[in-house]
């Protein structure tokens, strides 16, 4: 899944909706750095979590 996510995309963590919308900052293999509106910048392991990619309308 990490191959489909690129910096600048808007995403949500499926198990942590309270974190709000996040913007992908960087992708290095399965490591995705995301800046979430209510949780700040976090490192996500894409091998364990499948982020929900948002389209522009749902952001």
C-alpha atoms as a PDB file:
ATOM      1  CA  UNK A   1       0.000   0.000   0.000  1.00  0.00           C
ATOM      2  CA  UNK A   2       2.857   2.393   0.707  1.00  0.00           C
ATOM      3  CA  UNK A   3       3.639   2.496  -3.019  1.00  0.00           C
ATOM      4  CA  UNK A   4       0.260   4.127  -3.647  1.00  0.00           C
ATOM      5  CA  UNK A   5       0.815   6.889  -1.110  1.00  0.00           C
ATOM      6  CA  UNK A   6       2.940   9.900  -2.014  1.00  0.00           C
ATOM      7  CA  UNK A   7       3.842  13.109  -0.175  1.00  0.00           C
ATOM      8  CA  UNK A   8       1.085  15.701  -0.234  1.00  0.00           C
ATOM      9  CA  UNK A   9      -1.787  13.196  -0.128  1.00  0.00           C
ATOM     10  CA  UNK A  10      -4.494  13.562   2.506  1.00  0.00           C
ATOM     11  CA  UNK A  11      -5.106  10.445   4.602  1.00  0.00           C
ATOM     12  CA  UNK A  12      -6.853   9.156   7.731  1.00  0.00           C
ATOM     13  CA  UNK A  13      -5.782   6.459  10.162  1.00  0.00           C
ATOM     14  CA  UNK A  14      -8.616   3.873  10.140  1.00  0.00           C
ATOM     15  CA  UNK A  15      -8.291   3.064  13.849  1.00  0.00           C
ATOM     16  CA  UNK A  16      -7.712   6.633  15.073  1.00  0.00           C
ATOM     17  CA  UNK A  17     -10.362   8.934  13.547  1.00  0.00           C
ATOM     18  CA  UNK A  18      -9.765  11.288  16.497  1.00  0.00           C
ATOM     19  CA  UNK A  19      -6.396  12.191  14.918  1.00  0.00           C
ATOM     20  CA  UNK A  20      -8.289  13.883  12.082  1.00  0.00           C
ATOM     21  CA  UNK A  21      -7.074  14.343   8.539  1.00  0.00           C
ATOM     22  CA  UNK A  22      -3.371  13.983   7.911  1.00  0.00           C
ATOM     23  CA  UNK A  23      -1.063  15.118   5.145  1.00  0.00           C
ATOM     24  CA  UNK A  24       1.681  12.743   4.043  1.00  0.00           C
ATOM     25  CA  UNK A  25       5.091  14.370   4.571  1.00  0.00           C
ATOM     26  CA  UNK A  26       7.392  11.586   3.357  1.00  0.00           C
ATOM     27  CA  UNK A  27       7.432   7.939   2.306  1.00  0.00           C
ATOM     28  CA  UNK A  28      10.440   5.631   2.769  1.00  0.00           C
ATOM     29  CA  UNK A  29       9.533   2.017   2.108  1.00  0.00           C
ATOM     30  CA  UNK A  30       6.839   1.051   4.626  1.00  0.00           C
ATOM     31  CA  UNK A  31       7.561   4.129   6.776  1.00  0.00           C
ATOM     32  CA  UNK A  32       5.124   6.980   6.148  1.00  0.00           C
ATOM     33  CA  UNK A  33       5.426  10.262   8.018  1.00  0.00           C
ATOM     34  CA  UNK A  34       2.050  11.963   8.354  1.00  0.00           C
ATOM     35  CA  UNK A  35       1.170  15.307   9.934  1.00  0.00           C
ATOM     36  CA  UNK A  36      -2.268  14.811  11.521  1.00  0.00           C
ATOM     37  CA  UNK A  37      -4.388  17.834  12.438  1.00  0.00           C
ATOM     38  CA  UNK A  38      -5.063  16.643  16.020  1.00  0.00           C
ATOM     39  CA  UNK A  39      -2.060  14.395  16.705  1.00  0.00           C
ATOM     40  CA  UNK A  40       0.874  16.121  15.026  1.00  0.00           C
ATOM     41  CA  UNK A  41       3.597  14.446  13.013  1.00  0.00           C
ATOM     42  CA  UNK A  42       3.652  10.659  13.367  1.00  0.00           C
ATOM     43  CA  UNK A  43       5.524   7.788  11.755  1.00  0.00           C
ATOM     44  CA  UNK A  44       3.169   5.109  10.412  1.00  0.00           C
ATOM     45  CA  UNK A  45       4.253   1.566   9.544  1.00  0.00           C
ATOM     46  CA  UNK A  46       2.354   0.766   6.340  1.00  0.00           C
ATOM     47  CA  UNK A  47       3.064  -2.942   6.853  1.00  0.00           C
ATOM     48  CA  UNK A  48       0.743  -2.802   9.891  1.00  0.00           C
ATOM     49  CA  UNK A  49      -1.703   0.013   9.065  1.00  0.00           C
ATOM     50  CA  UNK A  50      -3.509   0.708   5.796  1.00  0.00           C
ATOM     51  CA  UNK A  51      -4.154   4.444   5.698  1.00  0.00           C
ATOM     52  CA  UNK A  52      -7.373   5.648   4.098  1.00  0.00           C
ATOM     53  CA  UNK A  53      -6.554   7.937   1.177  1.00  0.00           C
ATOM     54  CA  UNK A  54      -8.971  10.867   0.926  1.00  0.00           C
ATOM     55  CA  UNK A  55     -10.050  12.589  -2.233  1.00  0.00           C
ATOM     56  CA  UNK A  56     -10.125  16.415  -2.325  1.00  0.00           C
ATOM     57  CA  UNK A  57     -13.863  16.566  -1.597  1.00  0.00           C
ATOM     58  CA  UNK A  58     -13.763  14.534   1.641  1.00  0.00           C
ATOM     59  CA  UNK A  59     -10.810  16.350   3.277  1.00  0.00           C
END
